[in-house]
């Protein structure tokens, strides 16, 4: 880590690691549930879902490993990430291929926005975590691009599903960071205007 950050900055960094770990755990649960359904109903989706699952397992491990140095610990609402992720994965897989890819697109788009906010915040504050998030961001972006390629023509149902999933993801992120996610997004918007 860089020079000792202020207590407020250190708290935000700890929350970033916590929410990213929780989000990766939630993604593991989403993909695991989707794979369980897809094996029976949509076996052609399983290879890509399995690849995404492997990525999320690796990301989760990396964020867990980053916690001790930043005085962070797993999220207190992990059960919501776990149960919510599994239910979301299971229910969207039952909706069919479009449900699977709408879920992936919504979650990954929300994650991508938050990772950009985090990267802006961490620049000059924690270069090691910045580099870690930057490397993970590329894989998350690939997941988003793959999902969007499967949704060439979005109908109203897919748009509504994506909006609902994105809203739920953003609420969980906000709860897990105690609002720091909103402050980071405002800082990035402010910096973009200047």
N, C-alpha and C. Protein backbone atom coordinates (compact mmCIF):
# COMPACT_ATOMS: atom_id res chain seq x y z
N UNK A 1 0.83 -1.18 0.00
CA UNK A 1 0.00 0.00 0.00
C UNK A 1 0.87 1.24 0.00
N UNK A 2 0.29 2.36 -0.44
CA UNK A 2 1.01 3.62 -0.49
C UNK A 2 1.11 4.20 0.91
N UNK A 3 1.58 5.47 1.01
CA UNK A 3 1.70 6.13 2.31
C UNK A 3 0.39 6.00 3.08
N UNK A 4 0.52 6.02 4.38
CA UNK A 4 -0.64 5.82 5.24
C UNK A 4 -1.79 6.76 4.90
N UNK A 5 -2.94 6.20 4.51
CA UNK A 5 -4.09 7.04 4.15
C UNK A 5 -4.77 7.61 5.40
N UNK A 6 -5.57 8.64 5.19
CA UNK A 6 -6.35 9.20 6.29
C UNK A 6 -7.33 8.13 6.78
N UNK A 7 -7.84 8.28 8.01
CA UNK A 7 -8.81 7.29 8.52
C UNK A 7 -10.03 7.14 7.61
N UNK A 8 -10.51 8.25 7.05
CA UNK A 8 -11.69 8.20 6.17
C UNK A 8 -11.36 7.43 4.89
N UNK A 9 -10.20 7.70 4.32
CA UNK A 9 -9.77 7.02 3.10
C UNK A 9 -9.55 5.53 3.38
N UNK A 10 -8.91 5.21 4.51
CA UNK A 10 -8.68 3.81 4.87
C UNK A 10 -9.99 3.06 5.03
N UNK A 11 -10.99 3.72 5.62
CA UNK A 11 -12.31 3.10 5.78
C UNK A 11 -12.95 2.83 4.42
N UNK A 12 -12.87 3.80 3.52
CA UNK A 12 -13.44 3.62 2.19
C UNK A 12 -12.73 2.49 1.45
N UNK A 13 -11.41 2.42 1.56
CA UNK A 13 -10.66 1.34 0.90
C UNK A 13 -11.08 -0.02 1.46
N UNK A 14 -11.24 -0.10 2.78
CA UNK A 14 -11.69 -1.35 3.40
C UNK A 14 -13.07 -1.74 2.87
N UNK A 15 -13.94 -0.74 2.70
CA UNK A 15 -15.28 -1.01 2.18
C UNK A 15 -15.25 -1.43 0.71
N UNK A 16 -14.33 -0.87 -0.06
CA UNK A 16 -14.20 -1.28 -1.46
C UNK A 16 -13.84 -2.76 -1.54
N UNK A 17 -12.85 -3.17 -0.76
CA UNK A 17 -12.45 -4.58 -0.78
C UNK A 17 -13.60 -5.46 -0.32
N UNK A 18 -14.30 -5.03 0.72
CA UNK A 18 -15.43 -5.81 1.27
C UNK A 18 -16.53 -5.99 0.23
N UNK A 19 -16.95 -4.90 -0.41
CA UNK A 19 -18.06 -5.00 -1.36
C UNK A 19 -17.64 -5.78 -2.60
N UNK A 20 -16.39 -5.63 -3.03
CA UNK A 20 -15.95 -6.40 -4.19
C UNK A 20 -15.89 -7.89 -3.89
N UNK A 21 -15.43 -8.24 -2.70
CA UNK A 21 -15.42 -9.65 -2.29
C UNK A 21 -16.86 -10.19 -2.25
N UNK A 22 -17.76 -9.42 -1.65
CA UNK A 22 -19.16 -9.86 -1.55
C UNK A 22 -19.79 -9.98 -2.94
N UNK A 23 -19.50 -9.02 -3.81
CA UNK A 23 -20.05 -9.07 -5.16
C UNK A 23 -19.56 -10.27 -5.94
N UNK A 24 -18.29 -10.58 -5.79
CA UNK A 24 -17.75 -11.76 -6.48
C UNK A 24 -18.39 -13.04 -5.93
N UNK A 25 -18.61 -13.06 -4.61
CA UNK A 25 -19.27 -14.22 -4.01
C UNK A 25 -20.69 -14.34 -4.54
N UNK A 26 -21.39 -13.20 -4.64
CA UNK A 26 -22.75 -13.22 -5.21
C UNK A 26 -22.74 -13.71 -6.65
N UNK A 27 -21.74 -13.29 -7.42
CA UNK A 27 -21.64 -13.73 -8.81
C UNK A 27 -21.38 -15.24 -8.90
N UNK A 28 -20.58 -15.74 -7.98
CA UNK A 28 -20.35 -17.20 -7.92
C UNK A 28 -21.68 -17.92 -7.73
N UNK A 29 -22.50 -17.40 -6.83
CA UNK A 29 -23.80 -18.02 -6.56
C UNK A 29 -24.74 -17.90 -7.77
N UNK A 30 -24.71 -16.75 -8.46
CA UNK A 30 -25.55 -16.57 -9.65
C UNK A 30 -25.17 -17.61 -10.71
N UNK A 31 -23.88 -17.65 -11.05
CA UNK A 31 -23.45 -18.55 -12.11
C UNK A 31 -23.63 -20.01 -11.72
N UNK A 32 -23.42 -20.34 -10.46
CA UNK A 32 -23.62 -21.73 -10.01
C UNK A 32 -25.07 -22.17 -10.21
N UNK A 33 -26.00 -21.30 -9.84
CA UNK A 33 -27.43 -21.63 -10.00
C UNK A 33 -27.80 -21.70 -11.48
N UNK A 34 -27.28 -20.76 -12.27
CA UNK A 34 -27.59 -20.79 -13.70
C UNK A 34 -27.03 -22.05 -14.36
N UNK A 35 -25.85 -22.45 -13.97
CA UNK A 35 -25.26 -23.67 -14.54
C UNK A 35 -26.09 -24.90 -14.16
N UNK A 36 -26.58 -24.94 -12.93
CA UNK A 36 -27.41 -26.08 -12.49
C UNK A 36 -28.65 -26.22 -13.36
N UNK A 37 -29.28 -25.11 -13.70
CA UNK A 37 -30.47 -25.15 -14.56
C UNK A 37 -30.07 -25.38 -16.02
N UNK A 38 -29.05 -24.67 -16.47
CA UNK A 38 -28.65 -24.74 -17.88
C UNK A 38 -28.18 -26.14 -18.27
N UNK A 39 -27.59 -26.88 -17.35
CA UNK A 39 -27.15 -28.24 -17.69
C UNK A 39 -28.30 -29.07 -18.23
N UNK A 40 -29.48 -28.84 -17.72
CA UNK A 40 -30.66 -29.61 -18.14
C UNK A 40 -31.40 -28.96 -19.31
N UNK A 41 -31.49 -27.62 -19.28
CA UNK A 41 -32.34 -26.93 -20.25
C UNK A 41 -31.58 -26.26 -21.40
N UNK A 42 -30.41 -25.74 -21.14
CA UNK A 42 -29.65 -24.97 -22.14
C UNK A 42 -28.18 -25.35 -22.10
N UNK A 43 -27.84 -26.59 -22.42
CA UNK A 43 -26.45 -27.04 -22.28
C UNK A 43 -25.46 -26.23 -23.11
N UNK A 44 -25.91 -25.57 -24.16
CA UNK A 44 -25.01 -24.76 -24.97
C UNK A 44 -24.49 -23.53 -24.21
N UNK A 45 -25.18 -23.12 -23.14
CA UNK A 45 -24.75 -21.97 -22.34
C UNK A 45 -23.71 -22.35 -21.28
N UNK A 46 -23.64 -23.63 -20.95
CA UNK A 46 -22.80 -24.07 -19.82
C UNK A 46 -21.31 -23.75 -20.00
N UNK A 47 -20.70 -23.95 -21.16
CA UNK A 47 -19.27 -23.65 -21.26
C UNK A 47 -18.93 -22.19 -20.92
N UNK A 48 -19.69 -21.24 -21.46
CA UNK A 48 -19.40 -19.84 -21.17
C UNK A 48 -19.71 -19.50 -19.72
N UNK A 49 -20.82 -20.01 -19.19
CA UNK A 49 -21.14 -19.77 -17.78
C UNK A 49 -20.06 -20.35 -16.87
N UNK A 50 -19.54 -21.50 -17.23
CA UNK A 50 -18.48 -22.13 -16.44
C UNK A 50 -17.20 -21.30 -16.48
N UNK A 51 -16.89 -20.74 -17.63
CA UNK A 51 -15.71 -19.88 -17.74
C UNK A 51 -15.88 -18.63 -16.87
N UNK A 52 -17.07 -18.04 -16.91
CA UNK A 52 -17.34 -16.86 -16.09
C UNK A 52 -17.27 -17.21 -14.60
N UNK A 53 -17.79 -18.38 -14.25
CA UNK A 53 -17.73 -18.83 -12.86
C UNK A 53 -16.29 -18.96 -12.40
N UNK A 54 -15.43 -19.55 -13.22
CA UNK A 54 -14.01 -19.67 -12.85
C UNK A 54 -13.38 -18.30 -12.62
N UNK A 55 -13.71 -17.34 -13.47
CA UNK A 55 -13.20 -15.98 -13.29
C UNK A 55 -13.65 -15.41 -11.95
N UNK A 56 -14.93 -15.57 -11.63
CA UNK A 56 -15.48 -14.99 -10.40
C UNK A 56 -14.87 -15.66 -9.16
N UNK A 57 -14.61 -16.95 -9.22
CA UNK A 57 -13.97 -17.65 -8.09
C UNK A 57 -12.58 -17.07 -7.86
N UNK A 58 -11.84 -16.85 -8.95
CA UNK A 58 -10.51 -16.26 -8.85
C UNK A 58 -10.58 -14.84 -8.29
N UNK A 59 -11.51 -14.04 -8.78
CA UNK A 59 -11.66 -12.66 -8.31
C UNK A 59 -11.99 -12.63 -6.82
N UNK A 60 -12.90 -13.50 -6.41
CA UNK A 60 -13.30 -13.57 -5.00
C UNK A 60 -12.09 -13.88 -4.12
N UNK A 61 -11.29 -14.81 -4.56
CA UNK A 61 -10.09 -15.19 -3.81
C UNK A 61 -9.10 -14.02 -3.73
N UNK A 62 -8.93 -13.30 -4.81
CA UNK A 62 -8.01 -12.15 -4.83
C UNK A 62 -8.47 -11.06 -3.86
N UNK A 63 -9.77 -10.78 -3.86
CA UNK A 63 -10.26 -9.75 -2.95
C UNK A 63 -10.19 -10.22 -1.49
N UNK A 64 -10.43 -11.50 -1.26
CA UNK A 64 -10.30 -12.04 0.11
C UNK A 64 -8.85 -11.89 0.58
N UNK A 65 -7.93 -12.14 -0.31
CA UNK A 65 -6.51 -12.00 0.03
C UNK A 65 -6.10 -10.56 0.27
N UNK A 66 -6.81 -9.61 -0.32
CA UNK A 66 -6.49 -8.18 -0.16
C UNK A 66 -7.05 -7.61 1.14
N UNK A 67 -7.93 -8.33 1.81
CA UNK A 67 -8.60 -7.81 3.01
C UNK A 67 -7.67 -7.54 4.20
N UNK A 68 -6.84 -8.49 4.62
CA UNK A 68 -6.07 -8.27 5.85
C UNK A 68 -5.22 -7.00 5.85
N UNK A 69 -4.54 -6.71 4.75
CA UNK A 69 -3.67 -5.54 4.68
C UNK A 69 -4.45 -4.23 4.77
N UNK A 70 -5.75 -4.31 4.55
CA UNK A 70 -6.59 -3.11 4.54
C UNK A 70 -7.58 -3.09 5.71
N UNK A 71 -7.33 -3.93 6.69
CA UNK A 71 -8.21 -4.04 7.87
C UNK A 71 -9.67 -4.21 7.47
N UNK A 72 -9.89 -5.06 6.49
CA UNK A 72 -11.23 -5.32 6.01
C UNK A 72 -11.61 -6.75 6.38
N UNK A 73 -12.87 -7.01 6.38
CA UNK A 73 -13.37 -8.36 6.65
C UNK A 73 -14.60 -8.60 5.79
N UNK A 74 -15.03 -9.84 5.66
CA UNK A 74 -16.21 -10.10 4.83
C UNK A 74 -17.43 -9.30 5.28
N UNK A 75 -18.25 -9.00 4.31
CA UNK A 75 -19.45 -8.19 4.49
C UNK A 75 -20.42 -8.82 5.49
N UNK A 76 -21.04 -7.98 6.30
CA UNK A 76 -22.03 -8.49 7.27
C UNK A 76 -23.30 -9.00 6.61
N UNK A 77 -23.58 -8.53 5.41
CA UNK A 77 -24.80 -8.96 4.72
C UNK A 77 -24.48 -10.01 3.64
N UNK A 78 -23.45 -10.82 3.89
CA UNK A 78 -23.07 -11.86 2.93
C UNK A 78 -24.23 -12.82 2.64
N UNK A 79 -25.06 -13.05 3.62
CA UNK A 79 -26.18 -13.97 3.38
C UNK A 79 -27.12 -13.43 2.30
N UNK A 80 -27.24 -12.09 2.21
CA UNK A 80 -28.07 -11.51 1.15
C UNK A 80 -27.42 -11.70 -0.21
N UNK A 81 -26.10 -11.50 -0.26
CA UNK A 81 -25.36 -11.72 -1.50
C UNK A 81 -25.47 -13.19 -1.91
N UNK A 82 -25.39 -14.10 -0.94
CA UNK A 82 -25.42 -15.53 -1.22
C UNK A 82 -26.80 -15.98 -1.68
N UNK A 83 -27.78 -15.75 -0.83
CA UNK A 83 -29.15 -16.18 -1.16
C UNK A 83 -29.69 -15.42 -2.36
N UNK A 84 -29.47 -14.11 -2.36
CA UNK A 84 -29.95 -13.30 -3.48
C UNK A 84 -29.31 -13.72 -4.79
N UNK A 85 -28.01 -13.97 -4.77
CA UNK A 85 -27.32 -14.41 -5.98
C UNK A 85 -27.85 -15.74 -6.49
N UNK A 86 -28.04 -16.68 -5.57
CA UNK A 86 -28.54 -17.99 -5.99
C UNK A 86 -29.96 -17.88 -6.55
N UNK A 87 -30.84 -17.16 -5.85
CA UNK A 87 -32.22 -17.00 -6.33
C UNK A 87 -32.27 -16.27 -7.67
N UNK A 88 -31.43 -15.25 -7.81
CA UNK A 88 -31.38 -14.51 -9.07
C UNK A 88 -30.90 -15.41 -10.20
N UNK A 89 -29.84 -16.16 -9.97
CA UNK A 89 -29.34 -17.06 -11.00
C UNK A 89 -30.34 -18.13 -11.38
N UNK A 90 -30.97 -18.72 -10.37
CA UNK A 90 -31.94 -19.79 -10.61
C UNK A 90 -33.15 -19.26 -11.38
N UNK A 91 -33.71 -18.15 -10.92
CA UNK A 91 -34.93 -17.63 -11.55
C UNK A 91 -34.67 -17.12 -12.96
N UNK A 92 -33.54 -16.46 -13.19
CA UNK A 92 -33.27 -15.97 -14.55
C UNK A 92 -32.95 -17.13 -15.49
N UNK A 93 -32.34 -18.18 -15.00
CA UNK A 93 -32.08 -19.35 -15.85
C UNK A 93 -33.39 -20.02 -16.26
N UNK A 94 -34.36 -20.02 -15.36
CA UNK A 94 -35.67 -20.59 -15.70
C UNK A 94 -36.39 -19.77 -16.77
N UNK A 95 -36.00 -18.50 -16.92
CA UNK A 95 -36.59 -17.63 -17.94
C UNK A 95 -36.03 -17.92 -19.33
N UNK A 96 -34.97 -18.69 -19.39
CA UNK A 96 -34.39 -19.03 -20.68
C UNK A 96 -33.06 -18.35 -20.92
N UNK A 97 -32.54 -18.57 -22.10
CA UNK A 97 -31.23 -18.00 -22.46
C UNK A 97 -31.21 -16.48 -22.30
N UNK A 98 -32.28 -15.84 -22.75
CA UNK A 98 -32.34 -14.37 -22.65
C UNK A 98 -32.35 -13.92 -21.20
N UNK A 99 -32.97 -14.69 -20.33
CA UNK A 99 -32.95 -14.38 -18.91
C UNK A 99 -31.55 -14.49 -18.33
N UNK A 100 -30.85 -15.53 -18.73
CA UNK A 100 -29.47 -15.74 -18.27
C UNK A 100 -28.60 -14.55 -18.68
N UNK A 101 -28.65 -14.20 -19.98
CA UNK A 101 -27.76 -13.15 -20.47
C UNK A 101 -28.21 -11.76 -20.04
N UNK A 102 -29.51 -11.57 -19.83
CA UNK A 102 -29.99 -10.28 -19.30
C UNK A 102 -29.47 -10.08 -17.88
N UNK A 103 -29.47 -11.15 -17.10
CA UNK A 103 -28.94 -11.10 -15.74
C UNK A 103 -27.46 -10.75 -15.75
N UNK A 104 -26.69 -11.45 -16.58
CA UNK A 104 -25.25 -11.20 -16.66
C UNK A 104 -24.99 -9.76 -17.11
N UNK A 105 -25.70 -9.31 -18.13
CA UNK A 105 -25.49 -7.95 -18.63
C UNK A 105 -25.81 -6.91 -17.57
N UNK A 106 -26.90 -7.09 -16.84
CA UNK A 106 -27.30 -6.12 -15.82
C UNK A 106 -26.29 -6.07 -14.67
N UNK A 107 -25.91 -7.22 -14.17
CA UNK A 107 -24.96 -7.27 -13.05
C UNK A 107 -23.60 -6.73 -13.48
N UNK A 108 -23.11 -7.18 -14.62
CA UNK A 108 -21.78 -6.76 -15.06
C UNK A 108 -21.74 -5.27 -15.41
N UNK A 109 -22.83 -4.71 -15.95
CA UNK A 109 -22.86 -3.27 -16.24
C UNK A 109 -22.79 -2.47 -14.94
N UNK A 110 -23.54 -2.90 -13.92
CA UNK A 110 -23.50 -2.21 -12.63
C UNK A 110 -22.11 -2.34 -12.01
N UNK A 111 -21.55 -3.53 -12.07
CA UNK A 111 -20.22 -3.76 -11.51
C UNK A 111 -19.18 -2.90 -12.24
N UNK A 112 -19.28 -2.85 -13.56
CA UNK A 112 -18.32 -2.08 -14.34
C UNK A 112 -18.34 -0.59 -13.94
N UNK A 113 -19.54 -0.04 -13.76
CA UNK A 113 -19.65 1.36 -13.33
C UNK A 113 -18.99 1.56 -11.97
N UNK A 114 -19.24 0.65 -11.04
CA UNK A 114 -18.67 0.78 -9.70
C UNK A 114 -17.15 0.59 -9.71
N UNK A 115 -16.66 -0.31 -10.54
CA UNK A 115 -15.22 -0.49 -10.64
C UNK A 115 -14.55 0.77 -11.18
N UNK A 116 -15.18 1.42 -12.15
CA UNK A 116 -14.63 2.68 -12.66
C UNK A 116 -14.57 3.74 -11.55
N UNK A 117 -15.64 3.84 -10.76
CA UNK A 117 -15.66 4.77 -9.63
C UNK A 117 -14.53 4.44 -8.64
N UNK A 118 -14.36 3.16 -8.35
CA UNK A 118 -13.33 2.73 -7.41
C UNK A 118 -11.93 3.04 -7.94
N UNK A 119 -11.72 2.79 -9.22
CA UNK A 119 -10.41 3.07 -9.81
C UNK A 119 -10.07 4.55 -9.71
N UNK A 120 -11.06 5.39 -9.96
CA UNK A 120 -10.84 6.84 -9.83
C UNK A 120 -10.47 7.19 -8.39
N UNK A 121 -11.20 6.64 -7.43
CA UNK A 121 -10.94 6.92 -6.02
C UNK A 121 -9.57 6.42 -5.59
N UNK A 122 -9.20 5.22 -6.00
CA UNK A 122 -7.97 4.58 -5.53
C UNK A 122 -6.69 5.14 -6.16
N UNK A 123 -6.82 5.83 -7.27
CA UNK A 123 -5.64 6.37 -7.94
C UNK A 123 -4.85 7.26 -6.98
N UNK A 124 -3.60 6.89 -6.74
CA UNK A 124 -2.74 7.63 -5.83
C UNK A 124 -2.95 7.33 -4.36
N UNK A 125 -3.93 6.47 -4.06
CA UNK A 125 -4.22 6.13 -2.66
C UNK A 125 -3.82 4.70 -2.31
N UNK A 126 -4.05 3.77 -3.23
CA UNK A 126 -3.71 2.37 -3.02
C UNK A 126 -3.46 1.76 -4.39
N UNK A 127 -2.23 1.92 -4.86
CA UNK A 127 -1.89 1.49 -6.22
C UNK A 127 -1.96 -0.03 -6.39
N UNK A 128 -1.69 -0.77 -5.34
CA UNK A 128 -1.77 -2.24 -5.42
C UNK A 128 -3.22 -2.68 -5.66
N UNK A 129 -4.15 -2.13 -4.90
CA UNK A 129 -5.56 -2.46 -5.08
C UNK A 129 -6.06 -1.91 -6.42
N UNK A 130 -5.60 -0.74 -6.80
CA UNK A 130 -5.95 -0.15 -8.09
C UNK A 130 -5.57 -1.12 -9.22
N UNK A 131 -4.35 -1.66 -9.17
CA UNK A 131 -3.88 -2.58 -10.21
C UNK A 131 -4.70 -3.88 -10.21
N UNK A 132 -5.04 -4.36 -9.03
CA UNK A 132 -5.86 -5.57 -8.92
C UNK A 132 -7.22 -5.36 -9.57
N UNK A 133 -7.88 -4.25 -9.23
CA UNK A 133 -9.20 -3.97 -9.79
C UNK A 133 -9.11 -3.76 -11.29
N UNK A 134 -8.08 -3.08 -11.74
CA UNK A 134 -7.90 -2.84 -13.17
C UNK A 134 -7.78 -4.16 -13.93
N UNK A 135 -7.05 -5.12 -13.38
CA UNK A 135 -6.89 -6.42 -14.06
C UNK A 135 -8.21 -7.20 -14.07
N UNK A 136 -8.96 -7.12 -13.01
CA UNK A 136 -10.24 -7.81 -12.93
C UNK A 136 -11.28 -7.15 -13.83
N UNK A 137 -11.22 -5.84 -13.92
CA UNK A 137 -12.18 -5.07 -14.72
C UNK A 137 -12.23 -5.56 -16.16
N UNK A 138 -11.10 -5.93 -16.72
CA UNK A 138 -11.07 -6.40 -18.11
C UNK A 138 -11.87 -7.69 -18.28
N UNK A 139 -11.77 -8.61 -17.32
CA UNK A 139 -12.54 -9.85 -17.42
C UNK A 139 -14.03 -9.58 -17.23
N UNK A 140 -14.35 -8.68 -16.30
CA UNK A 140 -15.77 -8.33 -16.09
C UNK A 140 -16.35 -7.67 -17.33
N UNK A 141 -15.56 -6.83 -17.98
CA UNK A 141 -16.00 -6.19 -19.23
C UNK A 141 -16.22 -7.23 -20.32
N UNK A 142 -15.38 -8.24 -20.38
CA UNK A 142 -15.57 -9.32 -21.36
C UNK A 142 -16.87 -10.07 -21.10
N UNK A 143 -17.20 -10.29 -19.81
CA UNK A 143 -18.47 -10.94 -19.47
C UNK A 143 -19.64 -10.08 -19.96
N UNK A 144 -19.56 -8.78 -19.72
CA UNK A 144 -20.62 -7.85 -20.14
C UNK A 144 -20.77 -7.88 -21.66
N UNK A 145 -19.67 -7.80 -22.37
CA UNK A 145 -19.73 -7.79 -23.84
C UNK A 145 -20.31 -9.09 -24.39
N UNK A 146 -19.95 -10.21 -23.79
CA UNK A 146 -20.50 -11.49 -24.25
C UNK A 146 -22.02 -11.51 -24.03
N UNK A 147 -22.45 -11.10 -22.85
CA UNK A 147 -23.89 -11.11 -22.55
C UNK A 147 -24.65 -10.19 -23.49
N UNK A 148 -24.12 -9.00 -23.71
CA UNK A 148 -24.81 -8.06 -24.60
C UNK A 148 -24.87 -8.57 -26.04
N UNK A 149 -23.85 -9.31 -26.45
CA UNK A 149 -23.86 -9.88 -27.80
C UNK A 149 -24.97 -10.92 -27.96
N UNK A 150 -25.38 -11.54 -26.86
CA UNK A 150 -26.46 -12.53 -26.89
C UNK A 150 -27.84 -11.86 -26.89
N UNK A 151 -27.86 -10.57 -26.61
CA UNK A 151 -29.13 -9.83 -26.48
C UNK A 151 -29.24 -8.77 -27.58
N UNK A 152 -29.03 -9.18 -28.80
CA UNK A 152 -28.99 -8.23 -29.91
C UNK A 152 -30.27 -7.40 -29.96
N UNK A 153 -31.40 -8.04 -29.87
CA UNK A 153 -32.67 -7.31 -29.86
C UNK A 153 -33.30 -7.45 -28.48
N UNK A 154 -33.24 -6.38 -27.73
CA UNK A 154 -33.84 -6.39 -26.40
C UNK A 154 -35.30 -5.97 -26.49
N UNK A 155 -36.18 -6.79 -25.97
CA UNK A 155 -37.57 -6.38 -25.90
C UNK A 155 -37.84 -5.71 -24.55
N UNK A 156 -39.06 -5.28 -24.35
CA UNK A 156 -39.41 -4.57 -23.12
C UNK A 156 -39.18 -5.43 -21.88
N UNK A 157 -39.45 -6.72 -22.00
CA UNK A 157 -39.27 -7.62 -20.86
C UNK A 157 -37.80 -7.71 -20.45
N UNK A 158 -36.90 -7.81 -21.42
CA UNK A 158 -35.47 -7.89 -21.13
C UNK A 158 -34.99 -6.57 -20.54
N UNK A 159 -35.44 -5.44 -21.10
CA UNK A 159 -35.04 -4.13 -20.55
C UNK A 159 -35.52 -3.97 -19.11
N UNK A 160 -36.75 -4.40 -18.84
CA UNK A 160 -37.30 -4.30 -17.48
C UNK A 160 -36.52 -5.21 -16.52
N UNK A 161 -36.21 -6.41 -16.96
CA UNK A 161 -35.44 -7.34 -16.13
C UNK A 161 -34.06 -6.77 -15.83
N UNK A 162 -33.40 -6.24 -16.84
CA UNK A 162 -32.08 -5.64 -16.63
C UNK A 162 -32.16 -4.46 -15.66
N UNK A 163 -33.18 -3.62 -15.79
CA UNK A 163 -33.33 -2.46 -14.90
C UNK A 163 -33.54 -2.91 -13.46
N UNK A 164 -34.37 -3.92 -13.26
CA UNK A 164 -34.64 -4.42 -11.91
C UNK A 164 -33.38 -5.03 -11.29
N UNK A 165 -32.68 -5.84 -12.04
CA UNK A 165 -31.45 -6.48 -11.53
C UNK A 165 -30.40 -5.43 -11.23
N UNK A 166 -30.27 -4.44 -12.10
CA UNK A 166 -29.30 -3.37 -11.89
C UNK A 166 -29.63 -2.59 -10.62
N UNK A 167 -30.90 -2.29 -10.41
CA UNK A 167 -31.33 -1.58 -9.20
C UNK A 167 -30.98 -2.39 -7.95
N UNK A 168 -31.31 -3.66 -7.95
CA UNK A 168 -31.00 -4.52 -6.79
C UNK A 168 -29.50 -4.60 -6.54
N UNK A 169 -28.71 -4.71 -7.61
CA UNK A 169 -27.26 -4.76 -7.47
C UNK A 169 -26.73 -3.47 -6.85
N UNK A 170 -27.23 -2.33 -7.35
CA UNK A 170 -26.79 -1.04 -6.81
C UNK A 170 -27.18 -0.86 -5.35
N UNK A 171 -28.36 -1.33 -4.97
CA UNK A 171 -28.79 -1.23 -3.56
C UNK A 171 -27.87 -2.08 -2.67
N UNK A 172 -27.56 -3.30 -3.10
CA UNK A 172 -26.65 -4.14 -2.31
C UNK A 172 -25.26 -3.51 -2.20
N UNK A 173 -24.79 -2.92 -3.27
CA UNK A 173 -23.49 -2.24 -3.23
C UNK A 173 -23.54 -1.07 -2.26
N UNK A 174 -24.60 -0.29 -2.32
CA UNK A 174 -24.74 0.85 -1.41
C UNK A 174 -24.76 0.37 0.04
N UNK A 175 -25.55 -0.67 0.32
CA UNK A 175 -25.63 -1.20 1.69
C UNK A 175 -24.27 -1.71 2.16
N UNK A 176 -23.53 -2.34 1.27
CA UNK A 176 -22.25 -2.94 1.65
C UNK A 176 -21.14 -1.91 1.82
N UNK A 177 -21.30 -0.73 1.24
CA UNK A 177 -20.28 0.32 1.38
C UNK A 177 -20.76 1.45 2.29
N UNK A 178 -21.92 1.33 2.84
CA UNK A 178 -22.50 2.37 3.69
C UNK A 178 -22.53 3.71 2.96
N UNK A 179 -22.87 3.67 1.69
CA UNK A 179 -23.02 4.88 0.91
C UNK A 179 -21.75 5.39 0.25
N UNK A 180 -20.60 4.81 0.55
CA UNK A 180 -19.36 5.26 -0.08
C UNK A 180 -19.43 5.13 -1.60
N UNK A 181 -20.20 4.18 -2.11
CA UNK A 181 -20.30 3.99 -3.55
C UNK A 181 -20.89 5.24 -4.21
N UNK A 182 -21.83 5.90 -3.56
CA UNK A 182 -22.44 7.11 -4.10
C UNK A 182 -21.42 8.25 -4.10
N UNK A 183 -20.66 8.38 -3.03
CA UNK A 183 -19.64 9.43 -2.96
C UNK A 183 -18.58 9.25 -4.05
N UNK A 184 -18.17 8.00 -4.29
CA UNK A 184 -17.16 7.74 -5.33
C UNK A 184 -17.71 8.09 -6.71
N UNK A 185 -18.98 7.75 -6.97
CA UNK A 185 -19.60 8.06 -8.27
C UNK A 185 -19.68 9.57 -8.47
N UNK A 186 -20.04 10.32 -7.42
CA UNK A 186 -20.10 11.78 -7.53
C UNK A 186 -18.73 12.37 -7.80
N UNK A 187 -17.71 11.85 -7.14
CA UNK A 187 -16.34 12.34 -7.35
C UNK A 187 -15.90 12.11 -8.79
N UNK A 188 -16.23 10.95 -9.34
CA UNK A 188 -15.86 10.66 -10.71
C UNK A 188 -16.60 11.59 -11.68
N UNK A 189 -17.90 11.80 -11.46
CA UNK A 189 -18.66 12.72 -12.32
C UNK A 189 -18.08 14.13 -12.25
N UNK A 190 -17.74 14.56 -11.03
CA UNK A 190 -17.16 15.90 -10.84
C UNK A 190 -15.83 16.01 -11.58
N UNK A 191 -14.99 15.00 -11.49
CA UNK A 191 -13.69 15.02 -12.16
C UNK A 191 -13.86 15.00 -13.68
N UNK A 192 -14.90 14.36 -14.18
CA UNK A 192 -15.15 14.29 -15.63
C UNK A 192 -15.58 15.64 -16.18
N UNK A 193 -16.24 16.43 -15.36
CA UNK A 193 -16.74 17.74 -15.79
C UNK A 193 -15.59 18.75 -15.88
N UNK A 194 -14.62 18.59 -14.99
CA UNK A 194 -13.52 19.56 -14.92
C UNK A 194 -12.60 19.46 -16.11
